[in-house]
Amino acid sequence: GDIFFENCFKNGVLALVLPPAAAAAIRRQLQERPGATISVDLEGQ
């Protein structure tokens, strides 16, 4: 949502938008492997 998205950045939080299939795949991977991690490279996007 627009307000949430704006507030994320105002509070120093990256709101990262991915295609629905990619977001769902990452969520599924995290659920299947508790403790698994993701890595975000903001500079390299």
PDB file of all heavy atoms in Angstrom:
ATOM      1  N   GLY A   1       0.850  -1.187   0.000  1.00  0.00           N
ATOM      2  CA  GLY A   1       0.000   0.000   0.000  1.00  0.00           C
ATOM      3  C   GLY A   1       0.887   1.240   0.000  1.00  0.00           C
ATOM      4  O   GLY A   1       1.987   1.231   0.547  1.00  0.00           O
ATOM      5  N   ASP A   2       0.405   2.304  -0.607  1.00  0.00           N
ATOM      6  CA  ASP A   2       1.200   3.520  -0.752  1.00  0.00           C
ATOM      7  C   ASP A   2       1.704   4.081   0.574  1.00  0.00           C
ATOM      8  O   ASP A   2       2.880   4.418   0.704  1.00  0.00           O
ATOM      9  CB  ASP A   2       0.404   4.611  -1.476  1.00  0.00           C
ATOM     10  CG  ASP A   2       0.168   4.297  -2.940  1.00  0.00           C
ATOM     11  OD1 ASP A   2       0.906   3.454  -3.503  1.00  0.00           O
ATOM     12  OD2 ASP A   2      -0.749   4.887  -3.526  1.00  0.00           O
ATOM     13  N   ILE A   3       0.823   4.178   1.557  1.00  0.00           N
ATOM     14  CA  ILE A   3       1.220   4.764   2.840  1.00  0.00           C
ATOM     15  C   ILE A   3       2.252   3.881   3.526  1.00  0.00           C
ATOM     16  O   ILE A   3       3.269   4.372   4.024  1.00  0.00           O
ATOM     17  CB  ILE A   3      -0.008   5.007   3.740  1.00  0.00           C
ATOM     18  CG1 ILE A   3      -0.886   6.099   3.126  1.00  0.00           C
ATOM     19  CG2 ILE A   3       0.414   5.388   5.158  1.00  0.00           C
ATOM     20  CD1 ILE A   3      -2.220   6.292   3.819  1.00  0.00           C
ATOM     21  N   PHE A   4       2.019   2.571   3.537  1.00  0.00           N
ATOM     22  CA  PHE A   4       2.977   1.652   4.149  1.00  0.00           C
ATOM     23  C   PHE A   4       4.329   1.751   3.442  1.00  0.00           C
ATOM     24  O   PHE A   4       5.376   1.814   4.088  1.00  0.00           O
ATOM     25  CB  PHE A   4       2.451   0.210   4.091  1.00  0.00           C
ATOM     26  CG  PHE A   4       3.396  -0.786   4.680  1.00  0.00           C
ATOM     27  CD1 PHE A   4       3.451  -0.985   6.044  1.00  0.00           C
ATOM     28  CD2 PHE A   4       4.252  -1.524   3.867  1.00  0.00           C
ATOM     29  CE1 PHE A   4       4.336  -1.896   6.600  1.00  0.00           C
ATOM     30  CE2 PHE A   4       5.139  -2.432   4.404  1.00  0.00           C
ATOM     31  CZ  PHE A   4       5.187  -2.622   5.770  1.00  0.00           C
ATOM     32  N   PHE A   5       4.315   1.760   2.116  1.00  0.00           N
ATOM     33  CA  PHE A   5       5.537   1.832   1.317  1.00  0.00           C
ATOM     34  C   PHE A   5       6.327   3.096   1.667  1.00  0.00           C
ATOM     35  O   PHE A   5       7.536   3.041   1.922  1.00  0.00           O
ATOM     36  CB  PHE A   5       5.165   1.816  -0.170  1.00  0.00           C
ATOM     37  CG  PHE A   5       6.330   1.726  -1.105  1.00  0.00           C
ATOM     38  CD1 PHE A   5       6.980   0.516  -1.316  1.00  0.00           C
ATOM     39  CD2 PHE A   5       6.766   2.842  -1.798  1.00  0.00           C
ATOM     40  CE1 PHE A   5       8.053   0.425  -2.197  1.00  0.00           C
ATOM     41  CE2 PHE A   5       7.836   2.759  -2.677  1.00  0.00           C
ATOM     42  CZ  PHE A   5       8.481   1.551  -2.880  1.00  0.00           C
ATOM     43  N   GLU A   6       5.650   4.231   1.702  1.00  0.00           N
ATOM     44  CA  GLU A   6       6.310   5.500   2.045  1.00  0.00           C
ATOM     45  C   GLU A   6       6.860   5.464   3.466  1.00  0.00           C
ATOM     46  O   GLU A   6       7.978   5.925   3.723  1.00  0.00           O
ATOM     47  CB  GLU A   6       5.339   6.667   1.888  1.00  0.00           C
ATOM     48  CG  GLU A   6       4.888   6.927   0.469  1.00  0.00           C
ATOM     49  CD  GLU A   6       6.017   7.352  -0.449  1.00  0.00           C
ATOM     50  OE1 GLU A   6       6.940   8.059   0.011  1.00  0.00           O
ATOM     51  OE2 GLU A   6       5.987   6.962  -1.626  1.00  0.00           O
ATOM     52  N   ASN A   7       6.077   4.935   4.399  1.00  0.00           N
ATOM     53  CA  ASN A   7       6.511   4.889   5.795  1.00  0.00           C
ATOM     54  C   ASN A   7       7.711   3.981   5.998  1.00  0.00           C
ATOM     55  O   ASN A   7       8.540   4.228   6.875  1.00  0.00           O
ATOM     56  CB  ASN A   7       5.356   4.482   6.709  1.00  0.00           C
ATOM     57  CG  ASN A   7       4.378   5.600   6.922  1.00  0.00           C
ATOM     58  OD1 ASN A   7       4.694   6.772   6.726  1.00  0.00           O
ATOM     59  ND2 ASN A   7       3.164   5.261   7.307  1.00  0.00           N
ATOM     60  N   CYS A   8       7.816   2.920   5.217  1.00  0.00           N
ATOM     61  CA  CYS A   8       8.999   2.053   5.315  1.00  0.00           C
ATOM     62  C   CYS A   8      10.258   2.876   5.110  1.00  0.00           C
ATOM     63  O   CYS A   8      11.174   2.847   5.934  1.00  0.00           O
ATOM     64  CB  CYS A   8       8.935   0.921   4.284  1.00  0.00           C
ATOM     65  SG  CYS A   8       7.852  -0.438   4.737  1.00  0.00           S
ATOM     66  N   PHE A   9      10.315   3.625   4.020  1.00  0.00           N
ATOM     67  CA  PHE A   9      11.510   4.410   3.728  1.00  0.00           C
ATOM     68  C   PHE A   9      11.726   5.510   4.752  1.00  0.00           C
ATOM     69  O   PHE A   9      12.864   5.801   5.121  1.00  0.00           O
ATOM     70  CB  PHE A   9      11.443   4.968   2.307  1.00  0.00           C
ATOM     71  CG  PHE A   9      11.641   3.911   1.272  1.00  0.00           C
ATOM     72  CD1 PHE A   9      10.565   3.348   0.618  1.00  0.00           C
ATOM     73  CD2 PHE A   9      12.911   3.448   0.967  1.00  0.00           C
ATOM     74  CE1 PHE A   9      10.744   2.351  -0.331  1.00  0.00           C
ATOM     75  CE2 PHE A   9      13.109   2.452   0.022  1.00  0.00           C
ATOM     76  CZ  PHE A   9      12.023   1.907  -0.635  1.00  0.00           C
ATOM     77  N   LYS A  10      10.654   6.111   5.240  1.00  0.00           N
ATOM     78  CA  LYS A  10      10.790   7.154   6.265  1.00  0.00           C
ATOM     79  C   LYS A  10      11.386   6.594   7.554  1.00  0.00           C
ATOM     80  O   LYS A  10      11.993   7.325   8.330  1.00  0.00           O
ATOM     81  CB  LYS A  10       9.443   7.804   6.559  1.00  0.00           C
ATOM     82  CG  LYS A  10       8.945   8.693   5.426  1.00  0.00           C
ATOM     83  CD  LYS A  10       7.603   9.305   5.777  1.00  0.00           C
ATOM     84  CE  LYS A  10       7.023  10.091   4.635  1.00  0.00           C
ATOM     85  NZ  LYS A  10       7.777  11.273   4.280  1.00  0.00           N
ATOM     86  N   ASN A  11      11.227   5.280   7.753  1.00  0.00           N
ATOM     87  CA  ASN A  11      11.744   4.634   8.957  1.00  0.00           C
ATOM     88  C   ASN A  11      12.995   3.801   8.687  1.00  0.00           C
ATOM     89  O   ASN A  11      13.384   2.966   9.504  1.00  0.00           O
ATOM     90  CB  ASN A  11      10.651   3.771   9.587  1.00  0.00           C
ATOM     91  CG  ASN A  11       9.582   4.627  10.221  1.00  0.00           C
ATOM     92  OD1 ASN A  11       9.831   5.282  11.222  1.00  0.00           O
ATOM     93  ND2 ASN A  11       8.401   4.653   9.626  1.00  0.00           N
ATOM     94  N   GLY A  12      13.608   3.993   7.516  1.00  0.00           N
ATOM     95  CA  GLY A  12      14.857   3.308   7.216  1.00  0.00           C
ATOM     96  C   GLY A  12      14.710   1.848   6.848  1.00  0.00           C
ATOM     97  O   GLY A  12      15.646   1.067   7.037  1.00  0.00           O
ATOM     98  N   VAL A  13      13.561   1.473   6.333  1.00  0.00           N
ATOM     99  CA  VAL A  13      13.300   0.082   5.963  1.00  0.00           C
ATOM    100  C   VAL A  13      13.145  -0.009   4.446  1.00  0.00           C
ATOM    101  O   VAL A  13      12.379   0.746   3.852  1.00  0.00           O
ATOM    102  CB  VAL A  13      12.018  -0.440   6.653  1.00  0.00           C
ATOM    103  CG1 VAL A  13      11.678  -1.850   6.202  1.00  0.00           C
ATOM    104  CG2 VAL A  13      12.169  -0.378   8.167  1.00  0.00           C
ATOM    105  N   LEU A  14      13.853  -0.941   3.841  1.00  0.00           N
ATOM    106  CA  LEU A  14      13.729  -1.172   2.407  1.00  0.00           C
ATOM    107  C   LEU A  14      12.462  -1.970   2.136  1.00  0.00           C
ATOM    108  O   LEU A  14      12.283  -3.060   2.668  1.00  0.00           O
ATOM    109  CB  LEU A  14      14.943  -1.942   1.880  1.00  0.00           C
ATOM    110  CG  LEU A  14      14.882  -2.402   0.425  1.00  0.00           C
ATOM    111  CD1 LEU A  14      14.804  -1.201  -0.518  1.00  0.00           C
ATOM    112  CD2 LEU A  14      16.090  -3.270   0.100  1.00  0.00           C
ATOM    113  N   ALA A  15      11.576  -1.417   1.328  1.00  0.00           N
ATOM    114  CA  ALA A  15      10.383  -2.136   0.871  1.00  0.00           C
ATOM    115  C   ALA A  15      10.700  -2.608  -0.547  1.00  0.00           C
ATOM    116  O   ALA A  15      10.755  -1.818  -1.472  1.00  0.00           O
ATOM    117  CB  ALA A  15       9.161  -1.228   0.885  1.00  0.00           C
ATOM    118  N   LEU A  16      10.943  -3.895  -0.662  1.00  0.00           N
ATOM    119  CA  LEU A  16      11.439  -4.478  -1.892  1.00  0.00           C
ATOM    120  C   LEU A  16      10.295  -5.153  -2.638  1.00  0.00           C
ATOM    121  O   LEU A  16       9.682  -6.084  -2.125  1.00  0.00           O
ATOM    122  CB  LEU A  16      12.513  -5.494  -1.501  1.00  0.00           C
ATOM    123  CG  LEU A  16      13.498  -5.954  -2.524  1.00  0.00           C
ATOM    124  CD1 LEU A  16      14.747  -6.429  -1.821  1.00  0.00           C
ATOM    125  CD2 LEU A  16      12.923  -7.013  -3.383  1.00  0.00           C
ATOM    126  N   VAL A  17      10.006  -4.675  -3.837  1.00  0.00           N
ATOM    127  CA  VAL A  17       8.903  -5.210  -4.641  1.00  0.00           C
ATOM    128  C   VAL A  17       9.474  -6.180  -5.670  1.00  0.00           C
ATOM    129  O   VAL A  17      10.346  -5.823  -6.461  1.00  0.00           O
ATOM    130  CB  VAL A  17       8.121  -4.081  -5.347  1.00  0.00           C
ATOM    131  CG1 VAL A  17       7.029  -4.659  -6.231  1.00  0.00           C
ATOM    132  CG2 VAL A  17       7.539  -3.121  -4.317  1.00  0.00           C
ATOM    133  N   LEU A  18       8.986  -7.416  -5.618  1.00  0.00           N
ATOM    134  CA  LEU A  18       9.371  -8.445  -6.578  1.00  0.00           C
ATOM    135  C   LEU A  18       8.122  -8.943  -7.298  1.00  0.00           C
ATOM    136  O   LEU A  18       7.017  -8.832  -6.770  1.00  0.00           O
ATOM    137  CB  LEU A  18      10.041  -9.622  -5.866  1.00  0.00           C
ATOM    138  CG  LEU A  18      11.417  -9.379  -5.252  1.00  0.00           C
ATOM    139  CD1 LEU A  18      11.902 -10.646  -4.548  1.00  0.00           C
ATOM    140  CD2 LEU A  18      12.424  -8.947  -6.306  1.00  0.00           C
ATOM    141  N   PRO A  19       8.295  -9.539  -8.469  1.00  0.00           N
ATOM    142  CA  PRO A  19       7.138 -10.135  -9.139  1.00  0.00           C
ATOM    143  C   PRO A  19       6.460 -11.153  -8.216  1.00  0.00           C
ATOM    144  O   PRO A  19       7.140 -11.804  -7.402  1.00  0.00           O
ATOM    145  CB  PRO A  19       7.740 -10.821 -10.367  1.00  0.00           C
ATOM    146  CG  PRO A  19       9.026 -10.089 -10.614  1.00  0.00           C
ATOM    147  CD  PRO A  19       9.521  -9.681  -9.249  1.00  0.00           C
ATOM    148  N   PRO A  20       5.143 -11.303  -8.325  1.00  0.00           N
ATOM    149  CA  PRO A  20       4.421 -12.217  -7.430  1.00  0.00           C
ATOM    150  C   PRO A  20       5.004 -13.628  -7.373  1.00  0.00           C
ATOM    151  O   PRO A  20       5.124 -14.206  -6.288  1.00  0.00           O
ATOM    152  CB  PRO A  20       3.001 -12.226  -8.000  1.00  0.00           C
ATOM    153  CG  PRO A  20       2.868 -10.900  -8.680  1.00  0.00           C
ATOM    154  CD  PRO A  20       4.233 -10.597  -9.236  1.00  0.00           C
ATOM    155  N   ALA A  21       5.402 -14.178  -8.494  1.00  0.00           N
ATOM    156  CA  ALA A  21       5.945 -15.546  -8.498  1.00  0.00           C
ATOM    157  C   ALA A  21       7.263 -15.616  -7.726  1.00  0.00           C
ATOM    158  O   ALA A  21       7.504 -16.570  -6.979  1.00  0.00           O
ATOM    159  CB  ALA A  21       6.144 -16.026  -9.930  1.00  0.00           C
ATOM    160  N   ALA A  22       8.102 -14.609  -7.878  1.00  0.00           N
ATOM    161  CA  ALA A  22       9.383 -14.592  -7.164  1.00  0.00           C
ATOM    162  C   ALA A  22       9.163 -14.436  -5.661  1.00  0.00           C
ATOM    163  O   ALA A  22       9.793 -15.136  -4.856  1.00  0.00           O
ATOM    164  CB  ALA A  22      10.263 -13.464  -7.696  1.00  0.00           C
ATOM    165  N   ALA A  23       8.271 -13.534  -5.264  1.00  0.00           N
ATOM    166  CA  ALA A  23       7.980 -13.342  -3.835  1.00  0.00           C
ATOM    167  C   ALA A  23       7.419 -14.622  -3.228  1.00  0.00           C
ATOM    168  O   ALA A  23       7.805 -15.021  -2.127  1.00  0.00           O
ATOM    169  CB  ALA A  23       7.008 -12.176  -3.649  1.00  0.00           C
ATOM    170  N   ALA A  24       6.528 -15.292  -3.947  1.00  0.00           N
ATOM    171  CA  ALA A  24       5.945 -16.550  -3.452  1.00  0.00           C
ATOM    172  C   ALA A  24       7.006 -17.639  -3.347  1.00  0.00           C
ATOM    173  O   ALA A  24       7.021 -18.413  -2.374  1.00  0.00           O
ATOM    174  CB  ALA A  24       4.815 -16.997  -4.377  1.00  0.00           C
ATOM    175  N   ALA A  25       7.912 -17.714  -4.310  1.00  0.00           N
ATOM    176  CA  ALA A  25       8.972 -18.735  -4.280  1.00  0.00           C
ATOM    177  C   ALA A  25       9.891 -18.518  -3.084  1.00  0.00           C
ATOM    178  O   ALA A  25      10.263 -19.479  -2.398  1.00  0.00           O
ATOM    179  CB  ALA A  25       9.764 -18.704  -5.578  1.00  0.00           C
ATOM    180  N   ILE A  26      10.249 -17.274  -2.814  1.00  0.00           N
ATOM    181  CA  ILE A  26      11.116 -16.979  -1.665  1.00  0.00           C
ATOM    182  C   ILE A  26      10.401 -17.313  -0.368  1.00  0.00           C
ATOM    183  O   ILE A  26      10.988 -17.921   0.543  1.00  0.00           O
ATOM    184  CB  ILE A  26      11.573 -15.510  -1.707  1.00  0.00           C
ATOM    185  CG1 ILE A  26      12.512 -15.303  -2.897  1.00  0.00           C
ATOM    186  CG2 ILE A  26      12.242 -15.100  -0.402  1.00  0.00           C
ATOM    187  CD1 ILE A  26      12.796 -13.850  -3.222  1.00  0.00           C
ATOM    188  N   ARG A  27       9.135 -16.933  -0.258  1.00  0.00           N
ATOM    189  CA  ARG A  27       8.361 -17.253   0.947  1.00  0.00           C
ATOM    190  C   ARG A  27       8.309 -18.771   1.155  1.00  0.00           C
ATOM    191  O   ARG A  27       8.514 -19.270   2.257  1.00  0.00           O
ATOM    192  CB  ARG A  27       6.963 -16.657   0.841  1.00  0.00           C
ATOM    193  CG  ARG A  27       6.124 -16.851   2.109  1.00  0.00           C
ATOM    194  CD  ARG A  27       4.770 -16.152   2.038  1.00  0.00           C
ATOM    195  NE  ARG A  27       4.015 -16.483   0.836  1.00  0.00           N
ATOM    196  CZ  ARG A  27       3.761 -15.642  -0.160  1.00  0.00           C
ATOM    197  NH1 ARG A  27       4.199 -14.403  -0.122  1.00  0.00           N
ATOM    198  NH2 ARG A  27       3.059 -16.020  -1.209  1.00  0.00           N
ATOM    199  N   ARG A  28       8.076 -19.516   0.073  1.00  0.00           N
ATOM    200  CA  ARG A  28       8.007 -20.981   0.157  1.00  0.00           C
ATOM    201  C   ARG A  28       9.359 -21.554   0.609  1.00  0.00           C
ATOM    202  O   ARG A  28       9.418 -22.425   1.480  1.00  0.00           O
ATOM    203  CB  ARG A  28       7.602 -21.558  -1.193  1.00  0.00           C
ATOM    204  CG  ARG A  28       7.354 -23.052  -1.197  1.00  0.00           C
ATOM    205  CD  ARG A  28       6.811 -23.586  -2.522  1.00  0.00           C
ATOM    206  NE  ARG A  28       7.614 -23.158  -3.680  1.00  0.00           N
ATOM    207  CZ  ARG A  28       7.269 -22.185  -4.542  1.00  0.00           C
ATOM    208  NH1 ARG A  28       6.133 -21.535  -4.391  1.00  0.00           N
ATOM    209  NH2 ARG A  28       8.048 -21.870  -5.552  1.00  0.00           N
ATOM    210  N   GLN A  29      10.448 -21.039   0.054  1.00  0.00           N
ATOM    211  CA  GLN A  29      11.781 -21.521   0.437  1.00  0.00           C
ATOM    212  C   GLN A  29      12.045 -21.282   1.922  1.00  0.00           C
ATOM    213  O   GLN A  29      12.611 -22.141   2.611  1.00  0.00           O
ATOM    214  CB  GLN A  29      12.851 -20.822  -0.397  1.00  0.00           C
ATOM    215  CG  GLN A  29      12.859 -21.223  -1.847  1.00  0.00           C
ATOM    216  CD  GLN A  29      13.784 -20.357  -2.672  1.00  0.00           C
ATOM    217  OE1 GLN A  29      14.836 -19.945  -2.191  1.00  0.00           O
ATOM    218  NE2 GLN A  29      13.394 -20.072  -3.908  1.00  0.00           N
ATOM    219  N   LEU A  30      11.656 -20.128   2.413  1.00  0.00           N
ATOM    220  CA  LEU A  30      11.863 -19.815   3.827  1.00  0.00           C
ATOM    221  C   LEU A  30      11.002 -20.686   4.731  1.00  0.00           C
ATOM    222  O   LEU A  30      11.434 -21.069   5.826  1.00  0.00           O
ATOM    223  CB  LEU A  30      11.588 -18.325   4.084  1.00  0.00           C
ATOM    224  CG  LEU A  30      12.596 -17.356   3.455  1.00  0.00           C
ATOM    225  CD1 LEU A  30      12.092 -15.930   3.550  1.00  0.00           C
ATOM    226  CD2 LEU A  30      13.960 -17.501   4.106  1.00  0.00           C
ATOM    227  N   GLN A  31       9.796 -21.020   4.285  1.00  0.00           N
ATOM    228  CA  GLN A  31       8.924 -21.892   5.078  1.00  0.00           C
ATOM    229  C   GLN A  31       9.441 -23.325   5.085  1.00  0.00           C
ATOM    230  O   GLN A  31       9.361 -24.017   6.103  1.00  0.00           O
ATOM    231  CB  GLN A  31       7.494 -21.862   4.533  1.00  0.00           C
ATOM    232  CG  GLN A  31       6.784 -20.573   4.819  1.00  0.00           C
ATOM    233  CD  GLN A  31       5.422 -20.479   4.139  1.00  0.00           C
ATOM    234  OE1 GLN A  31       5.147 -21.182   3.166  1.00  0.00           O
ATOM    235  NE2 GLN A  31       4.589 -19.588   4.640  1.00  0.00           N
ATOM    236  N   GLU A  32       9.976 -23.791   3.971  1.00  0.00           N
ATOM    237  CA  GLU A  32      10.457 -25.163   3.860  1.00  0.00           C
ATOM    238  C   GLU A  32      11.773 -25.379   4.589  1.00  0.00           C
ATOM    239  O   GLU A  32      12.079 -26.505   4.981  1.00  0.00           O
ATOM    240  CB  GLU A  32      10.617 -25.553   2.382  1.00  0.00           C
ATOM    241  CG  GLU A  32       9.299 -25.686   1.654  1.00  0.00           C
ATOM    242  CD  GLU A  32       9.462 -25.867   0.144  1.00  0.00           C
ATOM    243  OE1 GLU A  32      10.617 -25.792  -0.363  1.00  0.00           O
ATOM    244  OE2 GLU A  32       8.436 -26.064  -0.525  1.00  0.00           O
ATOM    245  N   ARG A  33      12.533 -24.316   4.748  1.00  0.00           N
ATOM    246  CA  ARG A  33      13.846 -24.423   5.394  1.00  0.00           C
ATOM    247  C   ARG A  33      13.956 -23.414   6.524  1.00  0.00           C
ATOM    248  O   ARG A  33      14.563 -22.356   6.375  1.00  0.00           O
ATOM    249  CB  ARG A  33      14.955 -24.175   4.372  1.00  0.00           C
ATOM    250  CG  ARG A  33      15.014 -25.233   3.292  1.00  0.00           C
ATOM    251  CD  ARG A  33      16.103 -24.977   2.257  1.00  0.00           C
ATOM    252  NE  ARG A  33      17.355 -24.501   2.816  1.00  0.00           N
ATOM    253  CZ  ARG A  33      18.202 -23.730   2.144  1.00  0.00           C
ATOM    254  NH1 ARG A  33      17.928 -23.350   0.916  1.00  0.00           N
ATOM    255  NH2 ARG A  33      19.328 -23.338   2.696  1.00  0.00           N
ATOM    256  N   PRO A  34      13.359 -23.714   7.685  1.00  0.00           N
ATOM    257  CA  PRO A  34      13.461 -22.786   8.816  1.00  0.00           C
ATOM    258  C   PRO A  34      14.933 -22.463   9.104  1.00  0.00           C
ATOM    259  O   PRO A  34      15.789 -23.335   9.098  1.00  0.00           O
ATOM    260  CB  PRO A  34      12.823 -23.548   9.977  1.00  0.00           C
ATOM    261  CG  PRO A  34      11.903 -24.515   9.308  1.00  0.00           C
ATOM    262  CD  PRO A  34      12.588 -24.909   8.030  1.00  0.00           C
ATOM    263  N   GLY A  35      15.197 -21.201   9.294  1.00  0.00           N
ATOM    264  CA  GLY A  35      16.565 -20.760   9.547  1.00  0.00           C
ATOM    265  C   GLY A  35      17.314 -20.371   8.286  1.00  0.00           C
ATOM    266  O   GLY A  35      18.426 -19.852   8.361  1.00  0.00           O
ATOM    267  N   ALA A  36      16.723 -20.645   7.131  1.00  0.00           N
ATOM    268  CA  ALA A  36      17.360 -20.248   5.872  1.00  0.00           C
ATOM    269  C   ALA A  36      17.425 -18.722   5.814  1.00  0.00           C
ATOM    270  O   ALA A  36      16.646 -18.032   6.465  1.00  0.00           O
ATOM    271  CB  ALA A  36      16.566 -20.784   4.681  1.00  0.00           C
ATOM    272  N   THR A  37      18.355 -18.221   5.062  1.00  0.00           N
ATOM    273  CA  THR A  37      18.534 -16.774   4.990  1.00  0.00           C
ATOM    274  C   THR A  37      18.452 -16.284   3.551  1.00  0.00           C
ATOM    275  O   THR A  37      18.609 -17.050   2.605  1.00  0.00           O
ATOM    276  CB  THR A  37      19.897 -16.347   5.575  1.00  0.00           C
ATOM    277  OG1 THR A  37      20.938 -16.960   4.822  1.00  0.00           O
ATOM    278  CG2 THR A  37      20.008 -16.742   7.041  1.00  0.00           C
ATOM    279  N   ILE A  38      18.211 -15.012   3.455  1.00  0.00           N
ATOM    280  CA  ILE A  38      18.274 -14.318   2.174  1.00  0.00           C
ATOM    281  C   ILE A  38      19.324 -13.225   2.330  1.00  0.00           C
ATOM    282  O   ILE A  38      19.647 -12.812   3.447  1.00  0.00           O
ATOM    283  CB  ILE A  38      16.920 -13.716   1.754  1.00  0.00           C
ATOM    284  CG1 ILE A  38      16.428 -12.727   2.801  1.00  0.00           C
ATOM    285  CG2 ILE A  38      15.897 -14.794   1.504  1.00  0.00           C
ATOM    286  CD1 ILE A  38      15.212 -11.944   2.381  1.00  0.00           C
ATOM    287  N   SER A  39      19.838 -12.758   1.221  1.00  0.00           N
ATOM    288  CA  SER A  39      20.830 -11.692   1.242  1.00  0.00           C
ATOM    289  C   SER A  39      20.370 -10.593   0.294  1.00  0.00           C
ATOM    290  O   SER A  39      19.997 -10.880  -0.847  1.00  0.00           O
ATOM    291  CB  SER A  39      22.184 -12.250   0.802  1.00  0.00           C
ATOM    292  OG  SER A  39      23.133 -11.215   0.701  1.00  0.00           O
ATOM    293  N   VAL A  40      20.409  -9.359   0.783  1.00  0.00           N
ATOM    294  CA  VAL A  40      20.015  -8.216  -0.038  1.00  0.00           C
ATOM    295  C   VAL A  40      21.237  -7.327  -0.229  1.00  0.00           C
ATOM    296  O   VAL A  40      21.869  -6.909   0.738  1.00  0.00           O
ATOM    297  CB  VAL A  40      18.873  -7.417   0.621  1.00  0.00           C
ATOM    298  CG1 VAL A  40      18.560  -6.170  -0.179  1.00  0.00           C
ATOM    299  CG2 VAL A  40      17.637  -8.286   0.771  1.00  0.00           C
ATOM    300  N   ASP A  41      21.549  -7.055  -1.476  1.00  0.00           N
ATOM    301  CA  ASP A  41      22.619  -6.124  -1.829  1.00  0.00           C
ATOM    302  C   ASP A  41      21.943  -4.868  -2.365  1.00  0.00           C
ATOM    303  O   ASP A  41      21.558  -4.819  -3.529  1.00  0.00           O
ATOM    304  CB  ASP A  41      23.523  -6.761  -2.885  1.00  0.00           C
ATOM    305  CG  ASP A  41      24.602  -5.816  -3.401  1.00  0.00           C
ATOM    306  OD1 ASP A  41      24.686  -4.660  -2.925  1.00  0.00           O
ATOM    307  OD2 ASP A  41      25.354  -6.228  -4.302  1.00  0.00           O
ATOM    308  N   LEU A  42      21.776  -3.889  -1.496  1.00  0.00           N
ATOM    309  CA  LEU A  42      21.085  -2.662  -1.890  1.00  0.00           C
ATOM    310  C   LEU A  42      21.867  -1.918  -2.961  1.00  0.00           C
ATOM    311  O   LEU A  42      21.295  -1.421  -3.920  1.00  0.00           O
ATOM    312  CB  LEU A  42      20.836  -1.772  -0.672  1.00  0.00           C
ATOM    313  CG  LEU A  42      20.173  -0.427  -0.931  1.00  0.00           C
ATOM    314  CD1 LEU A  42      18.835  -0.592  -1.647  1.00  0.00           C
ATOM    315  CD2 LEU A  42      19.986   0.326   0.378  1.00  0.00           C
ATOM    316  N   GLU A  43      23.179  -1.851  -2.793  1.00  0.00           N
ATOM    317  CA  GLU A  43      23.980  -1.123  -3.770  1.00  0.00           C
ATOM    318  C   GLU A  43      23.861  -1.755  -5.159  1.00  0.00           C
ATOM    319  O   GLU A  43      23.684  -1.057  -6.153  1.00  0.00           O
ATOM    320  CB  GLU A  43      25.435  -1.088  -3.329  1.00  0.00           C
ATOM    321  CG  GLU A  43      26.177   0.052  -3.904  1.00  0.00           C
ATOM    322  CD  GLU A  43      27.415   0.393  -3.099  1.00  0.00           C
ATOM    323  OE1 GLU A  43      27.809  -0.366  -2.188  1.00  0.00           O
ATOM    324  OE2 GLU A  43      28.000   1.431  -3.409  1.00  0.00           O
ATOM    325  N   GLY A  44      23.909  -3.083  -5.229  1.00  0.00           N
ATOM    326  CA  GLY A  44      23.786  -3.778  -6.497  1.00  0.00           C
ATOM    327  C   GLY A  44      22.351  -4.057  -6.905  1.00  0.00           C
ATOM    328  O   GLY A  44      22.099  -4.553  -8.005  1.00  0.00           O
ATOM    329  N   GLN A  45      21.419  -3.765  -5.994  1.00  0.00           N
ATOM    330  CA  GLN A  45      19.986  -3.964  -6.214  1.00  0.00           C
ATOM    331  C   GLN A  45      19.650  -5.402  -6.592  1.00  0.00           C
ATOM    332  O   GLN A  45      18.941  -5.672  -7.550  1.00  0.00           O
ATOM    333  CB  GLN A  45      19.446  -2.966  -7.238  1.00  0.00           C
ATOM    334  CG  GLN A  45      19.501  -1.543  -6.752  1.00  0.00           C
ATOM    335  CD  GLN A  45      18.960  -0.531  -7.737  1.00  0.00           C
ATOM    336  OE1 GLN A  45      19.470   0.576  -7.794  1.00  0.00           O
ATOM    337  NE2 GLN A  45      17.933  -0.866  -8.493  1.00  0.00           N
TER     338      GLN A  45
END
